[in-house]
Structures are given as structure tokens and as C-alpha cells.
């Protein structure tokens, strides 16, 4: 998806969040802050964007957004369980946010395995109300393409709740 299409999608997300009166926090690993960057690039985003955490290492996932070490040990950093914990932890540590989107995955070119090949990306979407859902996707392409697909998917996930 070209940058202008991501920008348009990010604009739709911001309009939606404004309309429903929700504030968002992002918790990102493999996207390295690209979701937050896409949203914050649009003037007026501060009305609904609380900010973002970039938690690339497991240590920072634990210290910054309170991902339990047991989840990482049992399921790994790239899992729906970790994605949910990241999203919930984002809400815990960004007290003015109403929802959190998280992403953790393997963008490549290395780091994949038989069970979790390059392109495996997990997402979490948590609401202050306690509702949380997660999703695992398998994207294809090079590192940049996988990260772009991840940003697009996360924005769509926010938009469609």
C-alpha cells in the first residue's frame, strides 16, 4: 500500500476515533513505531492519539507495558497471547487511552522458524472496558512490505473494531 493510501487510512481512523470519542495508544514491536507515525503525521491527531510504545525487546515488553515473563516464556514474543498482553499493558501504562493496538511479528529477512515463518505477525486490540481480541496473520514479501502490510492491517483493525 503506497504511503498516500496509508495516510488516507490513518485519516479515517482518526476521524472514527474522534466521532466515537476514544483515545488510542499504540504498542509496537516489528513495526517500530510506524503505526503511531502514520497517525501522528496528520494534523489534529493529538485529539485522539495518546502516543505509542516501541517495545522491540522482550525486556522492554515486560518493563514498559507489563507483559508477564511467563507469557513470553510459554508462547514467545510473536504470539496472540503476547499481542493481547502488550495491548492490555499499553492501556495500563497510558491511563488516558481508551483503546490500544499492538503488533509483534517477524519482519525478516531472518528470525523465522517452521512454526513462525518470516511474515508471521500478531495483533492485539484492547479496550478500557476489558474487551480484547487478537489475530495472527501471515504476510509475504520483504521486510519493508511486511511492515507496511502490518501497519495497514493494524489501522484497519482499529477502524473496524
N, C-alpha and C. Protein backbone atom coordinates (compact mmCIF):
# COMPACT_ATOMS: atom_id res chain seq x y z
N UNK A 1 0.85 -1.17 0.00
CA UNK A 1 0.00 0.00 0.00
C UNK A 1 0.90 1.24 0.00
N UNK A 2 0.73 2.09 -0.98
CA UNK A 2 1.53 3.32 -1.04
C UNK A 2 1.29 4.23 0.16
N UNK A 3 2.26 5.09 0.44
CA UNK A 3 2.18 5.99 1.59
C UNK A 3 0.90 6.82 1.60
N UNK A 4 0.46 7.28 0.42
CA UNK A 4 -0.75 8.11 0.39
C UNK A 4 -1.99 7.30 0.78
N UNK A 5 -2.00 6.00 0.50
CA UNK A 5 -3.12 5.17 0.92
C UNK A 5 -3.09 4.92 2.43
N UNK A 6 -1.90 4.74 2.98
CA UNK A 6 -1.78 4.59 4.44
C UNK A 6 -2.21 5.88 5.12
N UNK A 7 -1.80 7.01 4.55
CA UNK A 7 -2.20 8.30 5.13
C UNK A 7 -3.72 8.46 5.10
N UNK A 8 -4.35 8.07 4.01
CA UNK A 8 -5.81 8.16 3.91
C UNK A 8 -6.47 7.24 4.94
N UNK A 9 -5.96 6.05 5.10
CA UNK A 9 -6.50 5.11 6.08
C UNK A 9 -6.30 5.64 7.50
N UNK A 10 -5.12 6.19 7.77
CA UNK A 10 -4.86 6.78 9.08
C UNK A 10 -5.83 7.93 9.35
N UNK A 11 -6.12 8.72 8.34
CA UNK A 11 -7.10 9.80 8.48
C UNK A 11 -8.48 9.28 8.83
N UNK A 12 -8.86 8.17 8.20
CA UNK A 12 -10.16 7.56 8.50
C UNK A 12 -10.20 7.07 9.95
N UNK A 13 -9.09 6.49 10.41
CA UNK A 13 -9.01 6.02 11.79
C UNK A 13 -9.18 7.19 12.75
N UNK A 14 -8.48 8.27 12.51
CA UNK A 14 -8.56 9.44 13.39
C UNK A 14 -9.97 10.02 13.40
N UNK A 15 -10.60 10.10 12.24
CA UNK A 15 -11.98 10.59 12.17
C UNK A 15 -12.92 9.69 12.95
N UNK A 16 -12.74 8.38 12.79
CA UNK A 16 -13.58 7.40 13.50
C UNK A 16 -13.42 7.55 15.02
N UNK A 17 -12.16 7.61 15.48
CA UNK A 17 -11.91 7.72 16.91
C UNK A 17 -12.48 9.01 17.47
N UNK A 18 -12.37 10.09 16.72
CA UNK A 18 -12.93 11.37 17.15
C UNK A 18 -14.46 11.28 17.24
N UNK A 19 -15.06 10.64 16.26
CA UNK A 19 -16.51 10.51 16.21
C UNK A 19 -17.05 9.70 17.40
N UNK A 20 -16.34 8.64 17.77
CA UNK A 20 -16.81 7.79 18.87
C UNK A 20 -16.22 8.20 20.22
N UNK A 21 -15.35 9.21 20.22
CA UNK A 21 -14.82 9.76 21.46
C UNK A 21 -13.83 8.86 22.18
N UNK A 22 -12.94 8.22 21.44
CA UNK A 22 -11.94 7.34 22.03
C UNK A 22 -10.53 7.84 21.77
N UNK A 23 -9.64 7.59 22.75
CA UNK A 23 -8.22 7.90 22.60
C UNK A 23 -7.45 6.60 22.47
N UNK A 24 -6.42 6.61 21.63
CA UNK A 24 -5.67 5.42 21.25
C UNK A 24 -4.22 5.49 21.71
N UNK A 25 -3.69 4.35 22.10
CA UNK A 25 -2.25 4.19 22.32
C UNK A 25 -1.80 3.01 21.46
N UNK A 26 -0.60 3.11 20.89
CA UNK A 26 -0.04 2.00 20.11
C UNK A 26 1.07 1.34 20.91
N UNK A 27 1.20 0.03 20.72
CA UNK A 27 2.29 -0.74 21.34
C UNK A 27 2.89 -1.58 20.22
N UNK A 28 4.07 -1.21 19.76
CA UNK A 28 4.62 -1.79 18.55
C UNK A 28 5.96 -2.46 18.77
N UNK A 29 6.14 -3.55 18.05
CA UNK A 29 7.43 -4.22 18.05
C UNK A 29 7.97 -4.21 16.63
N UNK A 30 7.54 -5.11 15.78
CA UNK A 30 8.14 -5.23 14.44
C UNK A 30 7.91 -4.01 13.55
N UNK A 31 6.90 -3.21 13.84
CA UNK A 31 6.65 -2.01 13.05
C UNK A 31 7.45 -0.81 13.54
N UNK A 32 8.08 -0.93 14.69
CA UNK A 32 8.99 0.10 15.16
C UNK A 32 8.42 1.51 15.27
N UNK A 33 7.14 1.63 15.53
CA UNK A 33 6.54 2.95 15.67
C UNK A 33 5.86 3.48 14.41
N UNK A 34 5.81 2.68 13.36
CA UNK A 34 5.23 3.15 12.10
C UNK A 34 3.74 3.44 12.18
N UNK A 35 3.02 2.70 13.04
CA UNK A 35 1.58 2.95 13.19
C UNK A 35 1.38 4.32 13.83
N UNK A 36 2.07 4.56 14.92
CA UNK A 36 1.97 5.84 15.60
C UNK A 36 2.43 6.98 14.69
N UNK A 37 3.48 6.73 13.92
CA UNK A 37 3.98 7.75 12.99
C UNK A 37 2.95 8.09 11.92
N UNK A 38 2.29 7.06 11.38
CA UNK A 38 1.28 7.30 10.34
C UNK A 38 0.14 8.15 10.89
N UNK A 39 -0.25 7.89 12.13
CA UNK A 39 -1.34 8.66 12.74
C UNK A 39 -0.89 10.06 13.13
N UNK A 40 0.28 10.17 13.75
CA UNK A 40 0.74 11.47 14.24
C UNK A 40 1.19 12.40 13.12
N UNK A 41 1.34 11.87 11.93
CA UNK A 41 1.70 12.69 10.77
C UNK A 41 0.55 13.60 10.33
N UNK A 42 -0.64 13.30 10.80
CA UNK A 42 -1.83 14.05 10.38
C UNK A 42 -2.15 15.13 11.42
N UNK A 43 -2.26 16.38 10.96
CA UNK A 43 -2.58 17.47 11.89
C UNK A 43 -3.87 17.18 12.67
N UNK A 44 -3.85 17.48 13.93
CA UNK A 44 -5.02 17.26 14.78
C UNK A 44 -5.07 15.88 15.42
N UNK A 45 -4.08 15.04 15.12
CA UNK A 45 -4.08 13.67 15.65
C UNK A 45 -4.01 13.65 17.17
N UNK A 46 -3.46 14.69 17.78
CA UNK A 46 -3.33 14.71 19.24
C UNK A 46 -4.69 14.72 19.93
N UNK A 47 -5.74 15.02 19.19
CA UNK A 47 -7.08 14.98 19.78
C UNK A 47 -7.48 13.56 20.18
N UNK A 48 -6.92 12.55 19.51
CA UNK A 48 -7.32 11.17 19.79
C UNK A 48 -6.14 10.22 19.99
N UNK A 49 -4.94 10.66 19.68
CA UNK A 49 -3.76 9.80 19.81
C UNK A 49 -3.02 10.14 21.09
N UNK A 50 -2.98 9.18 22.00
CA UNK A 50 -2.29 9.37 23.27
C UNK A 50 -0.78 9.28 23.08
N UNK A 51 -0.34 8.36 22.22
CA UNK A 51 1.09 8.16 21.97
C UNK A 51 1.35 6.71 21.68
N UNK A 52 2.62 6.33 21.80
CA UNK A 52 2.96 4.95 21.48
C UNK A 52 4.18 4.45 22.22
N UNK A 53 4.21 3.15 22.39
CA UNK A 53 5.36 2.44 22.96
C UNK A 53 5.98 1.62 21.85
N UNK A 54 7.30 1.68 21.71
CA UNK A 54 8.01 0.79 20.81
C UNK A 54 8.79 -0.16 21.69
N UNK A 55 8.31 -1.39 21.76
CA UNK A 55 8.88 -2.39 22.68
C UNK A 55 9.46 -3.53 21.85
N UNK A 56 10.63 -3.30 21.34
CA UNK A 56 11.26 -4.26 20.44
C UNK A 56 11.79 -5.48 21.20
N UNK A 57 12.40 -5.27 22.34
CA UNK A 57 12.97 -6.39 23.10
C UNK A 57 11.95 -6.96 24.08
N UNK A 58 12.16 -8.20 24.46
CA UNK A 58 11.30 -8.81 25.48
C UNK A 58 11.42 -8.06 26.80
N UNK A 59 12.63 -7.63 27.13
CA UNK A 59 12.84 -6.90 28.39
C UNK A 59 11.98 -5.64 28.43
N UNK A 60 11.91 -4.91 27.33
CA UNK A 60 11.10 -3.70 27.31
C UNK A 60 9.61 -4.02 27.27
N UNK A 61 9.24 -5.11 26.62
CA UNK A 61 7.84 -5.53 26.67
C UNK A 61 7.42 -5.74 28.12
N UNK A 62 8.29 -6.32 28.91
CA UNK A 62 7.98 -6.56 30.32
C UNK A 62 7.99 -5.28 31.14
N UNK A 63 9.03 -4.45 30.97
CA UNK A 63 9.16 -3.27 31.84
C UNK A 63 8.26 -2.11 31.41
N UNK A 64 8.08 -1.89 30.14
CA UNK A 64 7.33 -0.71 29.68
C UNK A 64 5.83 -0.95 29.61
N UNK A 65 5.42 -2.16 29.24
CA UNK A 65 3.98 -2.41 29.09
C UNK A 65 3.52 -3.66 29.86
N UNK A 66 4.33 -4.07 30.81
CA UNK A 66 3.91 -5.09 31.79
C UNK A 66 3.52 -6.44 31.21
N UNK A 67 4.16 -6.85 30.11
CA UNK A 67 3.91 -8.19 29.59
C UNK A 67 4.51 -9.20 30.57
N UNK A 68 3.72 -10.13 31.07
CA UNK A 68 4.26 -11.11 32.01
C UNK A 68 5.35 -11.98 31.38
N UNK A 69 6.42 -12.17 32.13
CA UNK A 69 7.52 -13.01 31.65
C UNK A 69 7.03 -14.42 31.30
N UNK A 70 6.06 -14.92 32.05
CA UNK A 70 5.53 -16.27 31.81
C UNK A 70 4.88 -16.39 30.43
N UNK A 71 4.22 -15.34 29.97
CA UNK A 71 3.61 -15.38 28.63
C UNK A 71 4.70 -15.45 27.57
N UNK A 72 5.73 -14.63 27.73
CA UNK A 72 6.84 -14.65 26.77
C UNK A 72 7.53 -16.02 26.77
N UNK A 73 7.73 -16.59 27.95
CA UNK A 73 8.41 -17.89 28.06
C UNK A 73 7.57 -19.01 27.45
N UNK A 74 6.28 -18.96 27.68
CA UNK A 74 5.42 -20.05 27.20
C UNK A 74 5.04 -19.93 25.74
N UNK A 75 4.77 -18.70 25.27
CA UNK A 75 4.23 -18.51 23.92
C UNK A 75 5.19 -17.82 22.97
N UNK A 76 6.20 -17.14 23.48
CA UNK A 76 7.13 -16.40 22.65
C UNK A 76 6.65 -14.98 22.40
N UNK A 77 7.57 -14.16 21.91
CA UNK A 77 7.24 -12.75 21.64
C UNK A 77 6.24 -12.61 20.52
N UNK A 78 6.27 -13.52 19.57
CA UNK A 78 5.36 -13.46 18.43
C UNK A 78 4.25 -14.48 18.66
N UNK A 79 3.20 -14.01 19.32
CA UNK A 79 2.05 -14.86 19.64
C UNK A 79 0.85 -13.96 19.90
N UNK A 80 -0.33 -14.52 19.75
CA UNK A 80 -1.53 -13.74 20.04
C UNK A 80 -1.60 -13.43 21.54
N UNK A 81 -1.09 -14.34 22.36
CA UNK A 81 -1.09 -14.10 23.80
C UNK A 81 -0.23 -12.89 24.15
N UNK A 82 0.94 -12.79 23.55
CA UNK A 82 1.81 -11.64 23.80
C UNK A 82 1.18 -10.37 23.23
N UNK A 83 0.58 -10.45 22.06
CA UNK A 83 -0.06 -9.28 21.47
C UNK A 83 -1.17 -8.75 22.38
N UNK A 84 -1.97 -9.67 22.95
CA UNK A 84 -3.02 -9.23 23.87
C UNK A 84 -2.42 -8.60 25.12
N UNK A 85 -1.38 -9.21 25.67
CA UNK A 85 -0.74 -8.67 26.86
C UNK A 85 -0.13 -7.30 26.58
N UNK A 86 0.44 -7.13 25.40
CA UNK A 86 1.00 -5.82 25.02
C UNK A 86 -0.09 -4.76 24.97
N UNK A 87 -1.22 -5.09 24.36
CA UNK A 87 -2.33 -4.13 24.24
C UNK A 87 -2.87 -3.78 25.63
N UNK A 88 -3.08 -4.79 26.45
CA UNK A 88 -3.58 -4.54 27.81
C UNK A 88 -2.58 -3.70 28.61
N UNK A 89 -1.30 -4.01 28.44
CA UNK A 89 -0.26 -3.26 29.13
C UNK A 89 -0.17 -1.82 28.65
N UNK A 90 -0.44 -1.61 27.37
CA UNK A 90 -0.46 -0.25 26.86
C UNK A 90 -1.53 0.58 27.56
N UNK A 91 -2.69 -0.02 27.76
CA UNK A 91 -3.77 0.68 28.48
C UNK A 91 -3.42 0.90 29.94
N UNK A 92 -2.77 -0.07 30.53
CA UNK A 92 -2.37 0.05 31.93
C UNK A 92 -1.40 1.21 32.13
N UNK A 93 -0.53 1.42 31.16
CA UNK A 93 0.53 2.41 31.30
C UNK A 93 0.27 3.73 30.55
N UNK A 94 -0.84 3.81 29.85
CA UNK A 94 -1.27 5.06 29.21
C UNK A 94 -2.70 5.29 29.69
N UNK A 95 -2.81 5.83 30.86
CA UNK A 95 -4.09 5.86 31.59
C UNK A 95 -5.18 6.69 30.91
N UNK A 96 -4.83 7.58 30.00
CA UNK A 96 -5.85 8.39 29.32
C UNK A 96 -6.31 7.76 28.01
N UNK A 97 -5.74 6.63 27.64
CA UNK A 97 -6.16 5.94 26.42
C UNK A 97 -7.37 5.05 26.70
N UNK A 98 -8.23 4.95 25.71
CA UNK A 98 -9.42 4.10 25.81
C UNK A 98 -9.26 2.77 25.08
N UNK A 99 -8.35 2.75 24.12
CA UNK A 99 -8.06 1.52 23.41
C UNK A 99 -6.60 1.48 23.01
N UNK A 100 -6.12 0.26 22.80
CA UNK A 100 -4.72 0.06 22.42
C UNK A 100 -4.65 -0.94 21.30
N UNK A 101 -3.77 -0.66 20.35
CA UNK A 101 -3.46 -1.62 19.28
C UNK A 101 -2.02 -2.05 19.48
N UNK A 102 -1.78 -3.35 19.36
CA UNK A 102 -0.41 -3.84 19.49
C UNK A 102 -0.07 -4.70 18.28
N UNK A 103 1.23 -4.77 18.01
CA UNK A 103 1.72 -5.60 16.91
C UNK A 103 3.08 -6.16 17.29
N UNK A 104 3.24 -7.45 17.03
CA UNK A 104 4.51 -8.13 17.27
C UNK A 104 4.67 -9.19 16.20
N UNK A 105 5.84 -9.24 15.59
CA UNK A 105 5.99 -10.20 14.49
C UNK A 105 7.41 -10.36 14.02
N UNK A 106 7.54 -11.10 12.93
CA UNK A 106 8.83 -11.40 12.33
C UNK A 106 8.83 -10.79 10.94
N UNK A 107 9.50 -9.65 10.80
CA UNK A 107 9.53 -8.94 9.53
C UNK A 107 10.65 -9.43 8.61
N UNK A 108 11.61 -10.15 9.16
CA UNK A 108 12.68 -10.72 8.34
C UNK A 108 13.82 -9.75 8.09
N UNK A 109 14.76 -10.17 7.28
CA UNK A 109 14.71 -11.40 6.48
C UNK A 109 15.00 -12.66 7.29
N UNK A 110 15.60 -12.54 8.47
CA UNK A 110 15.86 -13.71 9.31
C UNK A 110 14.89 -13.75 10.47
N UNK A 111 15.11 -14.73 11.34
CA UNK A 111 14.33 -14.83 12.56
C UNK A 111 13.14 -15.74 12.53
N UNK A 112 12.80 -16.25 11.36
CA UNK A 112 11.64 -17.12 11.26
C UNK A 112 11.96 -18.57 11.62
N UNK A 113 10.92 -19.37 11.77
CA UNK A 113 11.05 -20.79 12.04
C UNK A 113 9.94 -21.53 11.30
N UNK A 114 9.92 -22.83 11.43
CA UNK A 114 8.87 -23.61 10.79
C UNK A 114 7.50 -23.21 11.33
N UNK A 115 7.40 -23.07 12.65
CA UNK A 115 6.12 -22.72 13.28
C UNK A 115 5.76 -21.24 13.13
N UNK A 116 6.79 -20.41 13.06
CA UNK A 116 6.58 -18.96 12.93
C UNK A 116 7.51 -18.44 11.84
N UNK A 117 7.10 -18.60 10.58
CA UNK A 117 7.97 -18.14 9.49
C UNK A 117 7.99 -16.62 9.39
N UNK A 118 8.98 -16.12 8.67
CA UNK A 118 9.03 -14.69 8.38
C UNK A 118 7.68 -14.28 7.80
N UNK A 119 7.15 -13.18 8.28
CA UNK A 119 5.84 -12.71 7.84
C UNK A 119 4.74 -13.00 8.85
N UNK A 120 5.07 -13.78 9.90
CA UNK A 120 4.09 -14.03 10.97
C UNK A 120 3.99 -12.78 11.82
N UNK A 121 2.79 -12.24 11.93
CA UNK A 121 2.58 -11.01 12.70
C UNK A 121 1.29 -11.19 13.51
N UNK A 122 1.37 -10.84 14.80
CA UNK A 122 0.22 -10.94 15.69
C UNK A 122 -0.19 -9.56 16.16
N UNK A 123 -1.50 -9.37 16.26
CA UNK A 123 -2.08 -8.09 16.63
C UNK A 123 -2.97 -8.25 17.85
N UNK A 124 -3.04 -7.23 18.67
CA UNK A 124 -3.96 -7.19 19.79
C UNK A 124 -4.71 -5.87 19.77
N UNK A 125 -5.97 -5.92 20.13
CA UNK A 125 -6.78 -4.71 20.23
C UNK A 125 -7.53 -4.80 21.55
N UNK A 126 -7.18 -3.92 22.48
CA UNK A 126 -7.78 -3.95 23.82
C UNK A 126 -8.52 -2.65 24.08
N UNK A 127 -9.64 -2.79 24.77
CA UNK A 127 -10.47 -1.64 25.13
C UNK A 127 -10.46 -1.48 26.65
N UNK A 128 -10.59 -0.25 27.08
CA UNK A 128 -10.61 0.05 28.51
C UNK A 128 -11.72 -0.73 29.21
N UNK A 129 -12.78 -1.05 28.49
CA UNK A 129 -13.90 -1.81 29.06
C UNK A 129 -13.50 -3.23 29.46
N UNK A 130 -12.34 -3.67 28.97
CA UNK A 130 -11.87 -5.03 29.27
C UNK A 130 -11.89 -5.95 28.07
N UNK A 131 -12.63 -5.59 27.05
CA UNK A 131 -12.67 -6.42 25.85
C UNK A 131 -11.31 -6.41 25.17
N UNK A 132 -10.91 -7.55 24.65
CA UNK A 132 -9.63 -7.67 23.95
C UNK A 132 -9.75 -8.77 22.92
N UNK A 133 -9.20 -8.53 21.76
CA UNK A 133 -9.15 -9.58 20.76
C UNK A 133 -7.80 -9.56 20.08
N UNK A 134 -7.46 -10.68 19.51
CA UNK A 134 -6.16 -10.78 18.84
C UNK A 134 -6.31 -11.53 17.53
N UNK A 135 -5.29 -11.41 16.72
CA UNK A 135 -5.31 -12.03 15.40
C UNK A 135 -3.88 -12.32 14.97
N UNK A 136 -3.71 -13.44 14.29
CA UNK A 136 -2.41 -13.80 13.72
C UNK A 136 -2.55 -13.76 12.21
N UNK A 137 -1.60 -13.10 11.55
CA UNK A 137 -1.59 -13.01 10.10
C UNK A 137 -0.26 -13.53 9.57
N UNK A 138 -0.28 -13.93 8.32
CA UNK A 138 0.93 -14.35 7.64
C UNK A 138 1.08 -13.52 6.38
N UNK A 139 2.01 -12.58 6.41
CA UNK A 139 2.25 -11.69 5.28
C UNK A 139 3.42 -12.20 4.46
N UNK A 140 3.50 -11.75 3.23
CA UNK A 140 4.60 -12.14 2.35
C UNK A 140 5.33 -10.90 1.86
N UNK A 141 6.53 -11.14 1.36
CA UNK A 141 7.32 -10.05 0.81
C UNK A 141 8.57 -9.82 1.62
N UNK A 142 9.24 -8.71 1.31
CA UNK A 142 10.46 -8.36 2.04
C UNK A 142 10.10 -7.64 3.34
N UNK A 143 11.11 -7.27 4.09
CA UNK A 143 10.92 -6.64 5.40
C UNK A 143 10.02 -5.40 5.32
N UNK A 144 10.31 -4.54 4.36
CA UNK A 144 9.52 -3.32 4.22
C UNK A 144 8.07 -3.61 3.89
N UNK A 145 7.85 -4.57 3.03
CA UNK A 145 6.49 -4.95 2.64
C UNK A 145 5.73 -5.54 3.82
N UNK A 146 6.37 -6.39 4.60
CA UNK A 146 5.72 -7.00 5.75
C UNK A 146 5.36 -5.93 6.78
N UNK A 147 6.24 -4.98 6.99
CA UNK A 147 5.95 -3.90 7.94
C UNK A 147 4.81 -3.02 7.43
N UNK A 148 4.81 -2.72 6.14
CA UNK A 148 3.73 -1.91 5.57
C UNK A 148 2.39 -2.63 5.68
N UNK A 149 2.38 -3.92 5.37
CA UNK A 149 1.14 -4.71 5.49
C UNK A 149 0.67 -4.74 6.95
N UNK A 150 1.62 -4.78 7.87
CA UNK A 150 1.28 -4.79 9.29
C UNK A 150 0.63 -3.48 9.72
N UNK A 151 1.19 -2.36 9.27
CA UNK A 151 0.62 -1.05 9.59
C UNK A 151 -0.80 -0.96 9.03
N UNK A 152 -0.97 -1.35 7.79
CA UNK A 152 -2.28 -1.30 7.14
C UNK A 152 -3.28 -2.16 7.91
N UNK A 153 -2.88 -3.37 8.26
CA UNK A 153 -3.79 -4.27 8.97
C UNK A 153 -4.16 -3.69 10.34
N UNK A 154 -3.21 -3.13 11.05
CA UNK A 154 -3.48 -2.55 12.36
C UNK A 154 -4.47 -1.39 12.25
N UNK A 155 -4.27 -0.52 11.28
CA UNK A 155 -5.19 0.61 11.08
C UNK A 155 -6.59 0.11 10.74
N UNK A 156 -6.68 -0.91 9.90
CA UNK A 156 -7.98 -1.47 9.56
C UNK A 156 -8.64 -2.12 10.78
N UNK A 157 -7.84 -2.76 11.60
CA UNK A 157 -8.35 -3.41 12.81
C UNK A 157 -8.95 -2.35 13.76
N UNK A 158 -8.27 -1.22 13.90
CA UNK A 158 -8.79 -0.14 14.74
C UNK A 158 -10.10 0.38 14.16
N UNK A 159 -10.11 0.59 12.87
CA UNK A 159 -11.26 1.17 12.19
C UNK A 159 -12.49 0.28 12.30
N UNK A 160 -12.29 -1.03 12.23
CA UNK A 160 -13.41 -1.96 12.22
C UNK A 160 -13.64 -2.62 13.57
N UNK A 161 -12.84 -2.20 14.57
CA UNK A 161 -13.01 -2.64 15.95
C UNK A 161 -12.99 -4.11 16.12
